[in-house]
């Protein structure tokens, strides 16, 4: 049974890829009692016949470079700064990912820059608003089925 999968907003996946990959993962999960691990997905993707094969980087050199970029992103999102918000000490991310309005590149900026630059602040408020809306919808869904 094909389901209508689509990519998450901001994803690098196309609609066609999301449908193909999502339906294939469904089939894999059905064969595993409704559960699957990333390792099992990777094992399937190593087969040239798998629809997932093209999603993964087969060049060890390129895969290593991409992994190192993921490690750099991990650093940027997991380092926090202690700041005062509403007279209360709180930990917030130190670096925020935004789109530079001149170059169009995704860059990281310090918390102070993210909050004082109008363009960056608006980008982040939009991201936070989308996240909150998605969270509210998810909570409603869980309550509905709970």
C-alpha atoms as a PDB file:
ATOM      1  CA  UNK A   1       0.000   0.000   0.000  1.00  0.00           C
ATOM      2  CA  UNK A   2       1.542   3.294  -1.073  1.00  0.00           C
ATOM      3  CA  UNK A   3       1.221   6.203   1.322  1.00  0.00           C
ATOM      4  CA  UNK A   4       1.445   9.827   0.344  1.00  0.00           C
ATOM      5  CA  UNK A   5       4.796  10.804   1.808  1.00  0.00           C
ATOM      6  CA  UNK A   6       6.311  14.206   1.224  1.00  0.00           C
ATOM      7  CA  UNK A   7       9.503  15.928   2.364  1.00  0.00           C
ATOM      8  CA  UNK A   8       9.571  18.006   5.499  1.00  0.00           C
ATOM      9  CA  UNK A   9       9.708  21.762   4.841  1.00  0.00           C
ATOM     10  CA  UNK A  10      13.340  22.759   4.310  1.00  0.00           C
ATOM     11  CA  UNK A  11      14.402  19.189   3.506  1.00  0.00           C
ATOM     12  CA  UNK A  12      16.764  18.408   0.641  1.00  0.00           C
ATOM     13  CA  UNK A  13      14.493  15.535  -0.403  1.00  0.00           C
ATOM     14  CA  UNK A  14      12.207  15.889  -3.402  1.00  0.00           C
ATOM     15  CA  UNK A  15       8.557  14.838  -3.187  1.00  0.00           C
ATOM     16  CA  UNK A  16       9.370  11.830  -5.386  1.00  0.00           C
ATOM     17  CA  UNK A  17      12.253  10.776  -3.147  1.00  0.00           C
ATOM     18  CA  UNK A  18      10.144  11.142   0.019  1.00  0.00           C
ATOM     19  CA  UNK A  19       7.418   8.953  -1.515  1.00  0.00           C
ATOM     20  CA  UNK A  20       9.872   6.337  -2.779  1.00  0.00           C
ATOM     21  CA  UNK A  21      11.955   6.183   0.402  1.00  0.00           C
ATOM     22  CA  UNK A  22       8.975   6.384   2.758  1.00  0.00           C
ATOM     23  CA  UNK A  23       7.132   3.541   1.044  1.00  0.00           C
ATOM     24  CA  UNK A  24      10.276   1.404   0.927  1.00  0.00           C
ATOM     25  CA  UNK A  25      10.926   1.997   4.636  1.00  0.00           C
ATOM     26  CA  UNK A  26       7.288   0.992   5.284  1.00  0.00           C
ATOM     27  CA  UNK A  27       7.936  -2.339   3.556  1.00  0.00           C
ATOM     28  CA  UNK A  28      11.146  -2.848   5.535  1.00  0.00           C
ATOM     29  CA  UNK A  29       9.343  -2.080   8.800  1.00  0.00           C
ATOM     30  CA  UNK A  30       6.513  -4.502   8.027  1.00  0.00           C
ATOM     31  CA  UNK A  31       9.107  -7.252   7.685  1.00  0.00           C
ATOM     32  CA  UNK A  32      10.527  -6.339  11.096  1.00  0.00           C
ATOM     33  CA  UNK A  33       7.402  -6.194  13.224  1.00  0.00           C
ATOM     34  CA  UNK A  34       6.728  -2.490  12.657  1.00  0.00           C
ATOM     35  CA  UNK A  35      10.129  -1.242  13.860  1.00  0.00           C
ATOM     36  CA  UNK A  36      13.443  -0.459  12.192  1.00  0.00           C
ATOM     37  CA  UNK A  37      16.847   0.899  13.179  1.00  0.00           C
ATOM     38  CA  UNK A  38      19.126   3.226  11.216  1.00  0.00           C
ATOM     39  CA  UNK A  39      21.591   0.304  10.972  1.00  0.00           C
ATOM     40  CA  UNK A  40      18.931  -1.838   9.262  1.00  0.00           C
ATOM     41  CA  UNK A  41      18.169   0.990   6.841  1.00  0.00           C
ATOM     42  CA  UNK A  42      21.872   1.328   6.032  1.00  0.00           C
ATOM     43  CA  UNK A  43      22.195  -2.439   5.522  1.00  0.00           C
ATOM     44  CA  UNK A  44      19.315  -2.340   3.040  1.00  0.00           C
ATOM     45  CA  UNK A  45      20.784   0.714   1.280  1.00  0.00           C
ATOM     46  CA  UNK A  46      24.083  -1.081   0.617  1.00  0.00           C
ATOM     47  CA  UNK A  47      22.214  -3.235  -1.924  1.00  0.00           C
ATOM     48  CA  UNK A  48      22.371  -1.623  -5.361  1.00  0.00           C
ATOM     49  CA  UNK A  49      18.772  -2.780  -5.944  1.00  0.00           C
ATOM     50  CA  UNK A  50      17.497  -0.835  -2.930  1.00  0.00           C
ATOM     51  CA  UNK A  51      15.640   2.425  -3.647  1.00  0.00           C
ATOM     52  CA  UNK A  52      17.584   3.866  -0.702  1.00  0.00           C
ATOM     53  CA  UNK A  53      20.978   3.123  -2.296  1.00  0.00           C
ATOM     54  CA  UNK A  54      21.259   6.450  -4.145  1.00  0.00           C
ATOM     55  CA  UNK A  55      20.509   8.449  -0.994  1.00  0.00           C
ATOM     56  CA  UNK A  56      23.753   7.346   0.664  1.00  0.00           C
ATOM     57  CA  UNK A  57      27.251   8.510  -0.219  1.00  0.00           C
ATOM     58  CA  UNK A  58      29.250   5.507  -1.426  1.00  0.00           C
ATOM     59  CA  UNK A  59      32.596   7.286  -1.649  1.00  0.00           C
ATOM     60  CA  UNK A  60      34.315   6.831   1.711  1.00  0.00           C
ATOM     61  CA  UNK A  61      36.237  10.095   1.239  1.00  0.00           C
ATOM     62  CA  UNK A  62      33.107  12.137   0.504  1.00  0.00           C
ATOM     63  CA  UNK A  63      31.172  10.349   3.254  1.00  0.00           C
ATOM     64  CA  UNK A  64      33.949  11.161   5.729  1.00  0.00           C
ATOM     65  CA  UNK A  65      33.865  14.845   4.719  1.00  0.00           C
ATOM     66  CA  UNK A  66      30.075  14.961   5.110  1.00  0.00           C
ATOM     67  CA  UNK A  67      30.328  13.260   8.492  1.00  0.00           C
ATOM     68  CA  UNK A  68      32.876  15.848   9.624  1.00  0.00           C
ATOM     69  CA  UNK A  69      30.477  18.602   8.534  1.00  0.00           C
ATOM     70  CA  UNK A  70      27.780  16.931  10.645  1.00  0.00           C
ATOM     71  CA  UNK A  71      30.226  16.911  13.560  1.00  0.00           C
ATOM     72  CA  UNK A  72      30.822  20.648  13.057  1.00  0.00           C
ATOM     73  CA  UNK A  73      27.044  21.278  12.999  1.00  0.00           C
ATOM     74  CA  UNK A  74      26.719  19.189  16.163  1.00  0.00           C
ATOM     75  CA  UNK A  75      29.215  21.476  17.892  1.00  0.00           C
ATOM     76  CA  UNK A  76      27.387  24.584  16.776  1.00  0.00           C
ATOM     77  CA  UNK A  77      23.997  23.436  18.093  1.00  0.00           C
ATOM     78  CA  UNK A  78      25.235  21.918  21.354  1.00  0.00           C
ATOM     79  CA  UNK A  79      27.301  24.751  22.818  1.00  0.00           C
ATOM     80  CA  UNK A  80      25.200  26.998  25.057  1.00  0.00           C
ATOM     81  CA  UNK A  81      25.506  30.411  26.652  1.00  0.00           C
ATOM     82  CA  UNK A  82      24.062  31.306  30.045  1.00  0.00           C
ATOM     83  CA  UNK A  83      21.879  34.372  29.622  1.00  0.00           C
ATOM     84  CA  UNK A  84      19.146  36.200  31.523  1.00  0.00           C
ATOM     85  CA  UNK A  85      15.604  35.930  30.113  1.00  0.00           C
ATOM     86  CA  UNK A  86      12.723  37.471  32.066  1.00  0.00           C
ATOM     87  CA  UNK A  87      15.015  37.907  35.085  1.00  0.00           C
ATOM     88  CA  UNK A  88      15.866  34.219  35.101  1.00  0.00           C
ATOM     89  CA  UNK A  89      19.174  32.542  34.229  1.00  0.00           C
ATOM     90  CA  UNK A  90      18.763  30.203  31.291  1.00  0.00           C
ATOM     91  CA  UNK A  91      20.936  28.270  28.876  1.00  0.00           C
ATOM     92  CA  UNK A  92      20.458  29.080  25.215  1.00  0.00           C
ATOM     93  CA  UNK A  93      22.273  27.952  22.090  1.00  0.00           C
ATOM     94  CA  UNK A  94      25.347  30.102  21.506  1.00  0.00           C
ATOM     95  CA  UNK A  95      25.236  29.868  17.696  1.00  0.00           C
ATOM     96  CA  UNK A  96      22.232  30.084  15.390  1.00  0.00           C
ATOM     97  CA  UNK A  97      21.847  28.977  11.770  1.00  0.00           C
ATOM     98  CA  UNK A  98      20.509  31.664   9.441  1.00  0.00           C
ATOM     99  CA  UNK A  99      20.641  32.559   5.761  1.00  0.00           C
ATOM    100  CA  UNK A 100      22.996  35.427   4.976  1.00  0.00           C
ATOM    101  CA  UNK A 101      20.923  37.966   3.073  1.00  0.00           C
ATOM    102  CA  UNK A 102      23.804  39.018   0.773  1.00  0.00           C
ATOM    103  CA  UNK A 103      25.494  35.715  -0.106  1.00  0.00           C
ATOM    104  CA  UNK A 104      22.426  33.504   0.336  1.00  0.00           C
ATOM    105  CA  UNK A 105      24.605  31.018   2.236  1.00  0.00           C
ATOM    106  CA  UNK A 106      23.550  29.300   5.439  1.00  0.00           C
ATOM    107  CA  UNK A 107      25.814  30.575   8.218  1.00  0.00           C
ATOM    108  CA  UNK A 108      25.995  30.477  12.001  1.00  0.00           C
ATOM    109  CA  UNK A 109      25.892  33.662  14.049  1.00  0.00           C
ATOM    110  CA  UNK A 110      26.266  34.377  17.747  1.00  0.00           C
ATOM    111  CA  UNK A 111      23.156  34.610  19.908  1.00  0.00           C
ATOM    112  CA  UNK A 112      23.515  38.404  20.260  1.00  0.00           C
ATOM    113  CA  UNK A 113      23.718  38.831  16.466  1.00  0.00           C
ATOM    114  CA  UNK A 114      20.732  36.527  15.983  1.00  0.00           C
ATOM    115  CA  UNK A 115      18.627  38.644  18.326  1.00  0.00           C
ATOM    116  CA  UNK A 116      19.785  42.113  17.231  1.00  0.00           C
ATOM    117  CA  UNK A 117      19.943  41.735  13.427  1.00  0.00           C
ATOM    118  CA  UNK A 118      16.353  42.245  12.199  1.00  0.00           C
ATOM    119  CA  UNK A 119      16.679  39.893   9.225  1.00  0.00           C
ATOM    120  CA  UNK A 120      18.200  37.085  11.297  1.00  0.00           C
ATOM    121  CA  UNK A 121      15.746  37.627  14.146  1.00  0.00           C
ATOM    122  CA  UNK A 122      12.798  37.405  11.708  1.00  0.00           C
ATOM    123  CA  UNK A 123      14.194  34.218  10.163  1.00  0.00           C
ATOM    124  CA  UNK A 124      14.518  32.626  13.601  1.00  0.00           C
ATOM    125  CA  UNK A 125      11.098  33.801  14.752  1.00  0.00           C
ATOM    126  CA  UNK A 126       9.624  32.168  11.618  1.00  0.00           C
ATOM    127  CA  UNK A 127      11.480  28.909  12.382  1.00  0.00           C
ATOM    128  CA  UNK A 128      10.346  28.968  16.019  1.00  0.00           C
ATOM    129  CA  UNK A 129       6.746  29.724  15.022  1.00  0.00           C
ATOM    130  CA  UNK A 130       6.735  26.797  12.565  1.00  0.00           C
ATOM    131  CA  UNK A 131       8.241  24.552  15.228  1.00  0.00           C
ATOM    132  CA  UNK A 132       5.609  25.599  17.783  1.00  0.00           C
ATOM    133  CA  UNK A 133       2.784  25.052  15.288  1.00  0.00           C
ATOM    134  CA  UNK A 134       4.131  21.600  14.458  1.00  0.00           C
ATOM    135  CA  UNK A 135       4.441  20.802  18.169  1.00  0.00           C
ATOM    136  CA  UNK A 136       0.846  21.914  18.845  1.00  0.00           C
ATOM    137  CA  UNK A 137      -0.412  19.767  15.966  1.00  0.00           C
ATOM    138  CA  UNK A 138       1.611  16.795  17.203  1.00  0.00           C
ATOM    139  CA  UNK A 139       0.245  17.202  20.745  1.00  0.00           C
ATOM    140  CA  UNK A 140      -3.324  17.285  19.379  1.00  0.00           C
ATOM    141  CA  UNK A 141      -2.641  14.144  17.362  1.00  0.00           C
ATOM    142  CA  UNK A 142      -1.253  12.265  20.379  1.00  0.00           C
ATOM    143  CA  UNK A 143      -4.188  13.359  22.544  1.00  0.00           C
ATOM    144  CA  UNK A 144      -6.639  12.298  19.847  1.00  0.00           C
ATOM    145  CA  UNK A 145      -5.211   8.776  19.717  1.00  0.00           C
ATOM    146  CA  UNK A 146      -4.370   8.550  23.417  1.00  0.00           C
END
